C-alpha atoms as a PDB file:
ATOM      1  CA  MET A   1       5.817  78.356 -51.255  1.00  0.00           C
ATOM      2  CA  ALA A   2       2.686  78.542 -49.125  1.00  0.00           C
ATOM      3  CA  SER A   3       2.660  81.454 -46.706  1.00  0.00           C
ATOM      4  CA  PRO A   4       3.017  80.688 -42.982  1.00  0.00           C
ATOM      5  CA  ALA A   5      -0.018  82.851 -42.343  1.00  0.00           C
ATOM      6  CA  ASP A   6      -2.137  80.397 -44.343  1.00  0.00           C
ATOM      7  CA  ASN A   7      -1.941  77.910 -41.503  1.00  0.00           C
ATOM      8  CA  GLU A   8      -1.905  80.317 -38.552  1.00  0.00           C
ATOM      9  CA  HIS A   9      -5.145  79.330 -36.875  1.00  0.00           C
ATOM     10  CA  LEU A  10      -5.455  76.072 -34.975  1.00  0.00           C
ATOM     11  CA  PRO A  11      -8.453  73.769 -35.407  1.00  0.00           C
ATOM     12  CA  ASP A  12     -10.998  74.195 -32.622  1.00  0.00           C
ATOM     13  CA  GLU A  13     -10.285  70.791 -31.043  1.00  0.00           C
ATOM     14  CA  ILE A  14      -6.534  71.498 -30.988  1.00  0.00           C
ATOM     15  CA  SER A  15      -7.071  74.962 -29.544  1.00  0.00           C
ATOM     16  CA  ARG A  16      -9.205  73.443 -26.793  1.00  0.00           C
ATOM     17  CA  ALA A  17      -6.524  70.827 -26.124  1.00  0.00           C
ATOM     18  CA  VAL A  18      -3.868  73.533 -25.757  1.00  0.00           C
ATOM     19  CA  LYS A  19      -6.029  75.435 -23.259  1.00  0.00           C
ATOM     20  CA  LYS A  20      -6.661  72.246 -21.298  1.00  0.00           C
ATOM     21  CA  ALA A  21      -2.944  71.450 -21.252  1.00  0.00           C
ATOM     22  CA  VAL A  22      -2.207  74.953 -19.946  1.00  0.00           C
ATOM     23  CA  ARG A  23      -4.765  74.488 -17.148  1.00  0.00           C
ATOM     24  CA  LEU A  24      -3.260  71.109 -16.244  1.00  0.00           C
ATOM     25  CA  GLU A  25       0.235  72.604 -16.061  1.00  0.00           C
ATOM     26  CA  TRP A  26      -0.964  75.391 -13.766  1.00  0.00           C
ATOM     27  CA  ALA A  27      -2.666  72.765 -11.622  1.00  0.00           C
ATOM     28  CA  THR A  28       0.598  70.799 -11.584  1.00  0.00           C
ATOM     29  CA  LEU A  29       2.539  73.839 -10.385  1.00  0.00           C
ATOM     30  CA  GLY A  30      -0.014  74.427  -7.638  1.00  0.00           C
ATOM     31  CA  MET A  31       0.132  70.793  -6.553  1.00  0.00           C
ATOM     32  CA  LEU A  32       3.940  70.765  -6.587  1.00  0.00           C
ATOM     33  CA  SER A  33       4.116  73.963  -4.534  1.00  0.00           C
ATOM     34  CA  VAL A  34       2.074  72.311  -1.787  1.00  0.00           C
ATOM     35  CA  THR A  35       4.116  69.112  -2.068  1.00  0.00           C
ATOM     36  CA  VAL A  36       7.443  70.938  -1.759  1.00  0.00           C
ATOM     37  CA  VAL A  37       6.295  72.686   1.418  1.00  0.00           C
ATOM     38  CA  LEU A  38       4.923  69.502   3.015  1.00  0.00           C
ATOM     39  CA  VAL A  39       8.004  67.413   2.199  1.00  0.00           C
ATOM     40  CA  PHE A  40      10.300  70.152   3.512  1.00  0.00           C
ATOM     41  CA  LEU A  41       8.410  70.301   6.808  1.00  0.00           C
ATOM     42  CA  VAL A  42       8.903  66.576   7.489  1.00  0.00           C
ATOM     43  CA  MET A  43      12.227  66.048   5.679  1.00  0.00           C
ATOM     44  CA  GLY A  44      14.418  65.589   8.768  1.00  0.00           C
ATOM     45  CA  ASN A  45      17.832  64.000   8.123  1.00  0.00           C
ATOM     46  CA  SER A  46      16.661  61.527   5.490  1.00  0.00           C
ATOM     47  CA  GLN A  47      18.711  61.591   2.282  1.00  0.00           C
ATOM     48  CA  ALA A  48      15.835  59.938   0.420  1.00  0.00           C
ATOM     49  CA  MET A  49      13.426  62.659   1.564  1.00  0.00           C
ATOM     50  CA  LYS A  50      15.929  65.351   0.609  1.00  0.00           C
ATOM     51  CA  THR A  51      16.285  63.831  -2.866  1.00  0.00           C
ATOM     52  CA  ALA A  52      12.505  63.484  -3.235  1.00  0.00           C
ATOM     53  CA  TRP A  53      12.135  67.135  -2.170  1.00  0.00           C
ATOM     54  CA  ILE A  54      14.641  68.314  -4.780  1.00  0.00           C
ATOM     55  CA  GLU A  55      12.951  66.101  -7.374  1.00  0.00           C
ATOM     56  CA  ASP A  56       9.637  67.781  -6.589  1.00  0.00           C
ATOM     57  CA  MET A  57      11.229  71.180  -7.153  1.00  0.00           C
ATOM     58  CA  LEU A  58      12.828  69.968 -10.397  1.00  0.00           C
ATOM     59  CA  SER A  59       9.413  68.710 -11.507  1.00  0.00           C
ATOM     60  CA  MET A  60       8.375  72.349 -11.760  1.00  0.00           C
ATOM     61  CA  VAL A  61      10.830  72.949 -14.609  1.00  0.00           C
ATOM     62  CA  PRO A  62       8.914  71.126 -17.406  1.00  0.00           C
ATOM     63  CA  PRO A  63       5.532  72.794 -16.609  1.00  0.00           C
ATOM     64  CA  ILE A  64       7.171  76.221 -16.478  1.00  0.00           C
ATOM     65  CA  ALA A  65       9.062  75.492 -19.703  1.00  0.00           C
ATOM     66  CA  PHE A  66       5.826  74.363 -21.371  1.00  0.00           C
ATOM     67  CA  LEU A  67       3.878  77.462 -20.291  1.00  0.00           C
ATOM     68  CA  ILE A  68       6.628  79.814 -21.458  1.00  0.00           C
ATOM     69  CA  GLY A  69       7.120  77.894 -24.705  1.00  0.00           C
ATOM     70  CA  VAL A  70       3.415  77.899 -25.591  1.00  0.00           C
ATOM     71  CA  ARG A  71       3.187  81.622 -24.884  1.00  0.00           C
ATOM     72  CA  VAL A  72       6.207  82.428 -27.044  1.00  0.00           C
ATOM     73  CA  THR A  73       4.949  80.352 -29.995  1.00  0.00           C
ATOM     74  CA  ARG A  74       1.880  82.599 -30.186  1.00  0.00           C
ATOM     75  CA  LYS A  75       4.008  85.494 -31.381  1.00  0.00           C
ATOM     76  CA  PRO A  76       3.466  86.067 -35.118  1.00  0.00           C
ATOM     77  CA  ALA A  77       6.251  85.648 -37.644  1.00  0.00           C
ATOM     78  CA  ASN A  78       8.164  88.802 -38.527  1.00  0.00           C
ATOM     79  CA  ALA A  79      11.144  89.943 -40.578  1.00  0.00           C
ATOM     80  CA  LYS A  80      13.593  88.878 -37.869  1.00  0.00           C
ATOM     81  CA  HIS A  81      11.904  85.484 -37.360  1.00  0.00           C
ATOM     82  CA  PRO A  82      10.229  84.685 -40.688  1.00  0.00           C
ATOM     83  CA  PHE A  83       9.374  81.130 -39.583  1.00  0.00           C
ATOM     84  CA  GLY A  84       7.776  82.274 -36.340  1.00  0.00           C
ATOM     85  CA  TYR A  85       8.721  81.285 -32.794  1.00  0.00           C
ATOM     86  CA  HIS A  86       7.780  77.607 -32.764  1.00  0.00           C
ATOM     87  CA  ARG A  87      11.336  76.584 -31.856  1.00  0.00           C
ATOM     88  CA  ALA A  88      10.577  77.913 -28.361  1.00  0.00           C
ATOM     89  CA  ILE A  89       9.072  74.496 -27.600  1.00  0.00           C
ATOM     90  CA  GLY A  90      12.343  72.798 -28.544  1.00  0.00           C
ATOM     91  CA  ILE A  91      14.354  75.239 -26.417  1.00  0.00           C
ATOM     92  CA  ALA A  92      12.006  74.631 -23.479  1.00  0.00           C
ATOM     93  CA  HIS A  93      12.539  70.891 -23.961  1.00  0.00           C
ATOM     94  CA  LEU A  94      16.322  71.404 -23.882  1.00  0.00           C
ATOM     95  CA  VAL A  95      16.175  73.506 -20.703  1.00  0.00           C
ATOM     96  CA  ALA A  96      14.022  70.942 -18.903  1.00  0.00           C
ATOM     97  CA  GLY A  97      16.222  68.019 -19.945  1.00  0.00           C
ATOM     98  CA  THR A  98      19.439  69.798 -18.946  1.00  0.00           C
ATOM     99  CA  ALA A  99      18.108  70.758 -15.511  1.00  0.00           C
ATOM    100  CA  LEU A 100      17.013  67.199 -14.772  1.00  0.00           C
ATOM    101  CA  PHE A 101      20.231  65.605 -16.015  1.00  0.00           C
ATOM    102  CA  VAL A 102      22.615  67.919 -14.158  1.00  0.00           C
ATOM    103  CA  MET A 103      20.748  67.907 -10.852  1.00  0.00           C
ATOM    104  CA  GLY A 104      20.157  64.162 -11.013  1.00  0.00           C
ATOM    105  CA  GLY A 105      23.885  63.591 -11.421  1.00  0.00           C
ATOM    106  CA  TYR A 106      24.614  65.813  -8.441  1.00  0.00           C
ATOM    107  CA  LEU A 107      22.130  63.907  -6.279  1.00  0.00           C
ATOM    108  CA  ILE A 108      23.675  60.539  -7.197  1.00  0.00           C
ATOM    109  CA  VAL A 109      27.133  61.789  -6.185  1.00  0.00           C
ATOM    110  CA  ASP A 110      25.736  63.255  -2.967  1.00  0.00           C
ATOM    111  CA  ALA A 111      24.051  59.969  -2.030  1.00  0.00           C
ATOM    112  CA  LEU A 112      27.174  57.939  -2.911  1.00  0.00           C
ATOM    113  CA  ILE A 113      29.246  60.110  -0.591  1.00  0.00           C
ATOM    114  CA  LYS A 114      26.789  59.314   2.216  1.00  0.00           C
ATOM    115  CA  LEU A 115      27.282  55.597   1.541  1.00  0.00           C
ATOM    116  CA  ILE A 116      31.065  55.787   1.293  1.00  0.00           C
ATOM    117  CA  THR A 117      31.390  57.795   4.507  1.00  0.00           C
ATOM    118  CA  VAL A 118      28.982  55.383   6.244  1.00  0.00           C
ATOM    119  CA  GLU A 119      26.790  58.216   7.417  1.00  0.00           C
ATOM    120  CA  HIS A 120      24.017  56.949   9.679  1.00  0.00           C
ATOM    121  CA  PRO A 121      20.865  59.055   9.272  1.00  0.00           C
ATOM    122  CA  THR A 122      18.486  59.363  12.195  1.00  0.00           C
ATOM    123  CA  ILE A 123      14.792  60.112  12.329  1.00  0.00           C
ATOM    124  CA  GLY A 124      13.623  61.447  15.651  1.00  0.00           C
ATOM    125  CA  GLY A 125      10.239  62.004  17.185  1.00  0.00           C
ATOM    126  CA  ILE A 126       7.883  64.956  17.037  1.00  0.00           C
ATOM    127  CA  ASN A 127       5.380  66.224  19.583  1.00  0.00           C
ATOM    128  CA  LEU A 128       1.977  66.292  17.956  1.00  0.00           C
ATOM    129  CA  PHE A 129      -1.235  67.041  19.884  1.00  0.00           C
ATOM    130  CA  GLY A 130       0.439  66.151  23.159  1.00  0.00           C
ATOM    131  CA  HIS A 131       1.841  62.849  21.883  1.00  0.00           C
ATOM    132  CA  THR A 132       5.339  62.013  20.682  1.00  0.00           C
ATOM    133  CA  ILE A 133       5.334  60.063  17.428  1.00  0.00           C
ATOM    134  CA  TRP A 134       8.095  58.874  15.126  1.00  0.00           C
ATOM    135  CA  LEU A 135       8.671  61.479  12.383  1.00  0.00           C
ATOM    136  CA  GLY A 136       9.020  58.673   9.860  1.00  0.00           C
ATOM    137  CA  TRP A 137       5.277  58.023  10.024  1.00  0.00           C
ATOM    138  CA  LEU A 138       4.593  61.613   8.984  1.00  0.00           C
ATOM    139  CA  MET A 139       7.144  61.293   6.172  1.00  0.00           C
ATOM    140  CA  ILE A 140       5.440  58.180   4.857  1.00  0.00           C
ATOM    141  CA  LEU A 141       1.994  59.785   5.146  1.00  0.00           C
ATOM    142  CA  VAL A 142       3.118  62.876   3.220  1.00  0.00           C
ATOM    143  CA  LEU A 143       4.713  60.731   0.505  1.00  0.00           C
ATOM    144  CA  LEU A 144       1.565  58.644   0.122  1.00  0.00           C
ATOM    145  CA  VAL A 145      -0.725  61.677  -0.075  1.00  0.00           C
ATOM    146  CA  THR A 146       1.466  63.685  -2.441  1.00  0.00           C
ATOM    147  CA  GLY A 147       2.328  60.712  -4.663  1.00  0.00           C
ATOM    148  CA  ILE A 148      -1.209  60.253  -6.016  1.00  0.00           C
ATOM    149  CA  PRO A 149      -2.065  63.611  -7.735  1.00  0.00           C
ATOM    150  CA  PRO A 150       0.968  63.600 -10.088  1.00  0.00           C
ATOM    151  CA  VAL A 151      -0.004  60.188 -11.454  1.00  0.00           C
ATOM    152  CA  ILE A 152      -3.539  61.397 -12.207  1.00  0.00           C
ATOM    153  CA  LEU A 153      -2.313  64.637 -13.795  1.00  0.00           C
ATOM    154  CA  GLY A 154       0.309  62.738 -15.770  1.00  0.00           C
ATOM    155  CA  ARG A 155      -2.226  60.417 -17.355  1.00  0.00           C
ATOM    156  CA  MET A 156      -4.443  63.380 -18.264  1.00  0.00           C
ATOM    157  CA  LYS A 157      -1.521  65.193 -19.901  1.00  0.00           C
ATOM    158  CA  LEU A 158      -0.418  62.090 -21.824  1.00  0.00           C
ATOM    159  CA  LYS A 159      -3.776  62.093 -23.621  1.00  0.00           C
ATOM    160  CA  LEU A 160      -3.056  65.628 -24.862  1.00  0.00           C
ATOM    161  CA  ALA A 161       0.654  65.325 -25.651  1.00  0.00           C
ATOM    162  CA  GLU A 162       0.289  63.146 -28.766  1.00  0.00           C
ATOM    163  CA  PRO A 163      -2.408  65.133 -30.618  1.00  0.00           C
ATOM    164  CA  LEU A 164      -0.558  68.365 -29.770  1.00  0.00           C
ATOM    165  CA  HIS A 165       2.803  66.826 -30.709  1.00  0.00           C
ATOM    166  CA  ASN A 166       4.341  68.603 -27.733  1.00  0.00           C
ATOM    167  CA  LYS A 167       7.376  66.763 -26.401  1.00  0.00           C
ATOM    168  CA  VAL A 168       7.739  69.015 -23.357  1.00  0.00           C
ATOM    169  CA  LEU A 169       4.204  68.126 -22.307  1.00  0.00           C
ATOM    170  CA  TYR A 170       4.906  64.440 -22.974  1.00  0.00           C
ATOM    171  CA  ALA A 171       8.115  64.521 -20.916  1.00  0.00           C
ATOM    172  CA  ASP A 172       6.306  66.215 -18.053  1.00  0.00           C
ATOM    173  CA  ALA A 173       3.416  63.764 -18.230  1.00  0.00           C
ATOM    174  CA  ASP A 174       5.752  60.775 -18.331  1.00  0.00           C
ATOM    175  CA  MET A 175       7.588  62.039 -15.245  1.00  0.00           C
ATOM    176  CA  ASN A 176       4.331  62.658 -13.397  1.00  0.00           C
ATOM    177  CA  LYS A 177       3.000  59.224 -14.302  1.00  0.00           C
ATOM    178  CA  ALA A 178       6.079  57.581 -12.796  1.00  0.00           C
ATOM    179  CA  ASP A 179       6.127  59.801  -9.713  1.00  0.00           C
ATOM    180  CA  TRP A 180       4.768  57.001  -7.538  1.00  0.00           C
ATOM    181  CA  MET A 181       8.140  55.291  -7.946  1.00  0.00           C
ATOM    182  CA  THR A 182       9.852  58.223  -6.249  1.00  0.00           C
ATOM    183  CA  SER A 183       7.409  58.091  -3.347  1.00  0.00           C
ATOM    184  CA  PHE A 184       7.769  54.313  -3.045  1.00  0.00           C
ATOM    185  CA  ALA A 185      11.586  54.469  -3.070  1.00  0.00           C
ATOM    186  CA  ALA A 186      11.587  57.187  -0.420  1.00  0.00           C
ATOM    187  CA  ILE A 187       9.170  55.185   1.756  1.00  0.00           C
ATOM    188  CA  VAL A 188      11.445  52.139   1.505  1.00  0.00           C
ATOM    189  CA  GLY A 189      14.411  54.270   2.550  1.00  0.00           C
ATOM    190  CA  ILE A 190      12.555  55.690   5.556  1.00  0.00           C
ATOM    191  CA  ALA A 191      11.354  52.250   6.581  1.00  0.00           C
ATOM    192  CA  GLY A 192      14.929  51.026   6.300  1.00  0.00           C
ATOM    193  CA  ILE A 193      16.078  53.665   8.788  1.00  0.00           C
ATOM    194  CA  GLY A 194      13.331  52.579  11.167  1.00  0.00           C
ATOM    195  CA  LEU A 195      14.530  48.974  10.911  1.00  0.00           C
ATOM    196  CA  GLY A 196      18.135  49.965  11.545  1.00  0.00           C
ATOM    197  CA  LEU A 197      19.313  49.606   7.932  1.00  0.00           C
ATOM    198  CA  TRP A 198      21.340  52.822   7.718  1.00  0.00           C
ATOM    199  CA  TRP A 199      22.282  52.258   4.065  1.00  0.00           C
ATOM    200  CA  ALA A 200      18.660  51.945   2.869  1.00  0.00           C
ATOM    201  CA  ASP A 201      18.124  55.704   2.969  1.00  0.00           C
ATOM    202  CA  ALA A 202      21.084  56.536   0.706  1.00  0.00           C
ATOM    203  CA  ALA A 203      20.270  53.589  -1.563  1.00  0.00           C
ATOM    204  CA  ALA A 204      16.717  54.887  -2.001  1.00  0.00           C
ATOM    205  CA  ALA A 205      18.114  58.346  -2.767  1.00  0.00           C
ATOM    206  CA  ILE A 206      20.318  56.827  -5.497  1.00  0.00           C
ATOM    207  CA  VAL A 207      17.307  55.057  -7.029  1.00  0.00           C
ATOM    208  CA  ILE A 208      15.363  58.331  -7.119  1.00  0.00           C
ATOM    209  CA  ALA A 209      18.315  60.288  -8.499  1.00  0.00           C
ATOM    210  CA  THR A 210      18.962  57.654 -11.170  1.00  0.00           C
ATOM    211  CA  SER A 211      15.366  58.057 -12.332  1.00  0.00           C
ATOM    212  CA  ILE A 212      15.921  61.821 -12.560  1.00  0.00           C
ATOM    213  CA  VAL A 213      19.101  61.341 -14.622  1.00  0.00           C
ATOM    214  CA  LYS A 214      17.311  58.912 -16.952  1.00  0.00           C
ATOM    215  CA  ASP A 215      14.485  61.402 -17.541  1.00  0.00           C
ATOM    216  CA  GLY A 216      17.011  64.163 -18.116  1.00  0.00           C
ATOM    217  CA  ALA A 217      19.176  62.156 -20.535  1.00  0.00           C
ATOM    218  CA  THR A 218      16.171  60.997 -22.571  1.00  0.00           C
ATOM    219  CA  ASN A 219      14.750  64.483 -22.928  1.00  0.00           C
ATOM    220  CA  LEU A 220      18.120  66.128 -23.477  1.00  0.00           C
ATOM    221  CA  SER A 221      18.910  63.733 -26.321  1.00  0.00           C
ATOM    222  CA  ALA A 222      15.515  64.263 -27.955  1.00  0.00           C
ATOM    223  CA  ALA A 223      15.730  68.059 -27.593  1.00  0.00           C
ATOM    224  CA  VAL A 224      19.220  68.269 -29.102  1.00  0.00           C
ATOM    225  CA  SER A 225      18.190  66.022 -32.001  1.00  0.00           C
ATOM    226  CA  GLY A 226      15.190  68.236 -32.707  1.00  0.00           C
ATOM    227  CA  LEU A 227      17.183  71.479 -32.574  1.00  0.00           C
ATOM    228  CA  MET A 228      19.752  69.933 -34.931  1.00  0.00           C
ATOM    229  CA  ASP A 229      16.969  69.172 -37.432  1.00  0.00           C
ATOM    230  CA  GLY A 230      17.031  65.442 -36.875  1.00  0.00           C
ATOM    231  CA  ARG A 231      14.372  63.338 -38.557  1.00  0.00           C
ATOM    232  CA  PRO A 232      11.034  64.121 -36.890  1.00  0.00           C
ATOM    233  CA  THR A 233       9.806  61.447 -34.527  1.00  0.00           C
ATOM    234  CA  THR A 234       6.620  60.673 -32.677  1.00  0.00           C
ATOM    235  CA  VAL A 235       6.090  62.468 -29.385  1.00  0.00           C
ATOM    236  CA  ASP A 236       7.641  59.566 -27.449  1.00  0.00           C
ATOM    237  CA  ASN A 237      10.780  59.716 -29.680  1.00  0.00           C
ATOM    238  CA  LYS A 238      10.453  56.007 -30.521  1.00  0.00           C
ATOM    239  CA  LYS A 239       9.482  56.024 -34.217  1.00  0.00           C
ATOM    240  CA  PRO A 240       9.772  58.267 -37.278  1.00  0.00           C
ATOM    241  CA  HIS A 241       6.762  60.547 -37.461  1.00  0.00           C
ATOM    242  CA  PRO A 242       4.072  59.137 -39.792  1.00  0.00           C
ATOM    243  CA  LEU A 243       3.717  62.502 -41.558  1.00  0.00           C
ATOM    244  CA  ILE A 244       6.999  61.757 -43.337  1.00  0.00           C
ATOM    245  CA  ASN A 245       5.518  58.800 -45.223  1.00  0.00           C
ATOM    246  CA  ASP A 246       2.120  60.433 -45.577  1.00  0.00           C
ATOM    247  CA  ALA A 247       3.563  63.502 -47.288  1.00  0.00           C
ATOM    248  CA  GLN A 248       5.791  61.434 -49.530  1.00  0.00           C
ATOM    249  CA  GLU A 249       2.983  59.098 -50.573  1.00  0.00           C
ATOM    250  CA  PHE A 250       0.750  62.063 -51.349  1.00  0.00           C
ATOM    251  CA  LEU A 251       3.297  63.598 -53.704  1.00  0.00           C
ATOM    252  CA  GLN A 252       4.143  60.281 -55.343  1.00  0.00           C
ATOM    253  CA  ASN A 253       0.447  59.643 -56.052  1.00  0.00           C
ATOM    254  CA  LEU A 254      -0.051  62.888 -57.958  1.00  0.00           C
ATOM    255  CA  ASP A 255      -0.879  61.970 -61.569  1.00  0.00           C
ATOM    256  CA  TRP A 256       1.685  64.415 -62.981  1.00  0.00           C
ATOM    257  CA  VAL A 257       4.563  63.240 -60.757  1.00  0.00           C
ATOM    258  CA  ARG A 258       6.925  60.391 -61.683  1.00  0.00           C
ATOM    259  CA  ALA A 259       8.920  60.315 -58.435  1.00  0.00           C
ATOM    260  CA  ALA A 260       8.992  62.319 -55.244  1.00  0.00           C
ATOM    261  CA  ASN A 261      10.592  62.594 -51.869  1.00  0.00           C
ATOM    262  CA  VAL A 262      10.305  64.878 -48.879  1.00  0.00           C
ATOM    263  CA  ARG A 263      12.184  66.060 -45.843  1.00  0.00           C
ATOM    264  CA  LEU A 264      10.480  67.393 -42.750  1.00  0.00           C
ATOM    265  CA  ARG A 265      11.778  69.733 -40.099  1.00  0.00           C
ATOM    266  CA  ASP A 266      10.238  69.545 -36.628  1.00  0.00           C
ATOM    267  CA  GLU A 267       9.869  73.097 -35.337  1.00  0.00           C
ATOM    268  CA  GLY A 268       8.844  71.988 -31.850  1.00  0.00           C
ATOM    269  CA  GLN A 269       5.121  71.531 -32.315  1.00  0.00           C
ATOM    270  CA  VAL A 270       4.652  72.066 -36.048  1.00  0.00           C
ATOM    271  CA  PHE A 271       6.423  70.865 -39.194  1.00  0.00           C
ATOM    272  CA  GLN A 272       7.994  72.396 -42.259  1.00  0.00           C
ATOM    273  CA  ILE A 273       7.927  70.290 -45.423  1.00  0.00           C
ATOM    274  CA  GLU A 274      10.282  70.467 -48.362  1.00  0.00           C
ATOM    275  CA  GLY A 275       8.992  68.356 -51.226  1.00  0.00           C
ATOM    276  CA  PHE A 276      10.975  67.370 -54.325  1.00  0.00           C
ATOM    277  CA  VAL A 277       9.126  66.073 -57.355  1.00  0.00           C
ATOM    278  CA  ILE A 278      10.239  64.773 -60.729  1.00  0.00           C
ATOM    279  CA  PRO A 279       7.322  65.590 -63.035  1.00  0.00           C
ATOM    280  CA  THR A 280       6.400  63.276 -65.874  1.00  0.00           C
ATOM    281  CA  SER A 281       6.818  66.322 -68.072  1.00  0.00           C
ATOM    282  CA  LEU A 282       8.337  69.657 -67.073  1.00  0.00           C
ATOM    283  CA  GLU A 283       5.405  71.510 -68.638  1.00  0.00           C
ATOM    284  CA  LEU A 284       3.047  69.851 -66.133  1.00  0.00           C
ATOM    285  CA  ALA A 285       4.834  71.353 -63.101  1.00  0.00           C
ATOM    286  CA  THR A 286       2.938  74.606 -63.373  1.00  0.00           C
ATOM    287  CA  PRO A 287       2.758  77.110 -60.511  1.00  0.00           C
ATOM    288  CA  GLU A 288      -0.943  76.309 -60.164  1.00  0.00           C
ATOM    289  CA  ARG A 289      -0.306  72.569 -59.732  1.00  0.00           C
ATOM    290  CA  LEU A 290       2.519  73.172 -57.260  1.00  0.00           C
ATOM    291  CA  GLU A 291       0.375  75.552 -55.209  1.00  0.00           C
ATOM    292  CA  ALA A 292      -2.547  73.121 -55.247  1.00  0.00           C
ATOM    293  CA  ALA A 293      -0.268  70.339 -53.980  1.00  0.00           C
ATOM    294  CA  GLU A 294       1.042  72.604 -51.193  1.00  0.00           C
ATOM    295  CA  ASN A 295      -2.466  73.520 -50.092  1.00  0.00           C
ATOM    296  CA  ALA A 296      -3.511  69.863 -50.157  1.00  0.00           C
ATOM    297  CA  LEU A 297      -0.612  69.014 -47.840  1.00  0.00           C
ATOM    298  CA  PHE A 298      -1.726  71.765 -45.478  1.00  0.00           C
ATOM    299  CA  ASP A 299      -5.148  70.149 -45.329  1.00  0.00           C
ATOM    300  CA  GLN A 300      -3.673  66.776 -44.298  1.00  0.00           C
ATOM    301  CA  ASP A 301      -2.684  67.841 -40.780  1.00  0.00           C
ATOM    302  CA  TRP A 302      -2.843  71.011 -38.688  1.00  0.00           C
ATOM    303  CA  LYS A 303       0.794  70.489 -37.661  1.00  0.00           C
ATOM    304  CA  ILE A 304       2.024  71.227 -41.186  1.00  0.00           C
ATOM    305  CA  ARG A 305       3.042  74.870 -40.951  1.00  0.00           C
ATOM    306  CA  ASP A 306       5.098  75.601 -44.082  1.00  0.00           C
ATOM    307  CA  VAL A 307       5.320  73.761 -47.392  1.00  0.00           C
ATOM    308  CA  VAL A 308       7.712  74.194 -50.311  1.00  0.00           C
ATOM    309  CA  ILE A 309       7.494  71.905 -53.358  1.00  0.00           C
ATOM    310  CA  ALA A 310      10.192  72.119 -55.995  1.00  0.00           C
ATOM    311  CA  PRO A 311      10.297  70.369 -59.387  1.00  0.00           C
ATOM    312  CA  VAL A 312      13.716  68.762 -59.917  1.00  0.00           C
ATOM    313  CA  ALA A 313      15.459  66.606 -62.513  1.00  0.00           C
ATOM    314  CA  HIS A 314      16.961  64.327 -59.867  1.00  0.00           C
ATOM    315  CA  LEU A 315      15.985  63.739 -56.254  1.00  0.00           C
ATOM    316  CA  PRO A 316      18.649  65.178 -53.949  1.00  0.00           C
ATOM    317  CA  ASN A 317      20.822  62.543 -52.297  1.00  0.00           C
ATOM    318  CA  VAL A 318      20.137  63.967 -48.836  1.00  0.00           C
ATOM    319  CA  VAL A 319      16.482  63.015 -49.047  1.00  0.00           C
ATOM    320  CA  GLU A 320      16.714  59.605 -50.666  1.00  0.00           C
ATOM    321  CA  SER A 321      14.682  56.979 -48.859  1.00  0.00           C
ATOM    322  CA  GLU A 322      16.612  54.784 -46.435  1.00  0.00           C
END
């Protein structure tokens, strides 16, 4: 077995990417803090604005989870945690997904109650610089101004999420990238109130809340699968991670191996590999060859954190190819 310490240091480009991601998350928290204050100041009685405001506060959960998770993963392995603290990323993913799912469900119920009780929201006027203007215009202006930065930050974070294989960062980036939909839905709801369509506000709130629930459910499912040692997937959870086939092909192509298979465990941002090989002759599976194969796997990708290769007479059923 290769020691975890052998792969402790990140490549320079990955280390730079982590630092950039941390800066982007701090920038996101700063931007969201301003957004929350501005939306609160013009929220009025609009259910859509209230839902957008809560969504902005919920949007702080993934960046905070990412920052805490990254910090915890830096702790070195010890006797109590011999595999290190990389699972902190998976736990952060679970926390973020749960918060979004639960609060999104609450907001849907809250908006439905407003529809069922036929509650008619009103948006009054505000005295600004000696003139009385409809508060809805300020709401729309705030939504337009605050809806742009998250999209920009989201696209920047998406470029980092895949090489870092950080699903919390990806989830946060994906939410940011789609944030314009929240602003648009809220604007439609406010405009509906102005046109006398009382139900438009609650309907817009339901659209926003449904988006929150969808984000929460997607991330909650992915986080639970990862913590239960499900098959590792790409950062968007759509396909099996290519390292599975890469590692298996590498072992199968060794000249002293007749057959091989692997299973990978996603630790949150890094992988553990268990390789099983049937050597062409038992005498060829020397400790030196096994160690050389482990080190070669380490060199394939920085995300490979621990490797164990065992010579076996039969490949275990649990790792047979599908």
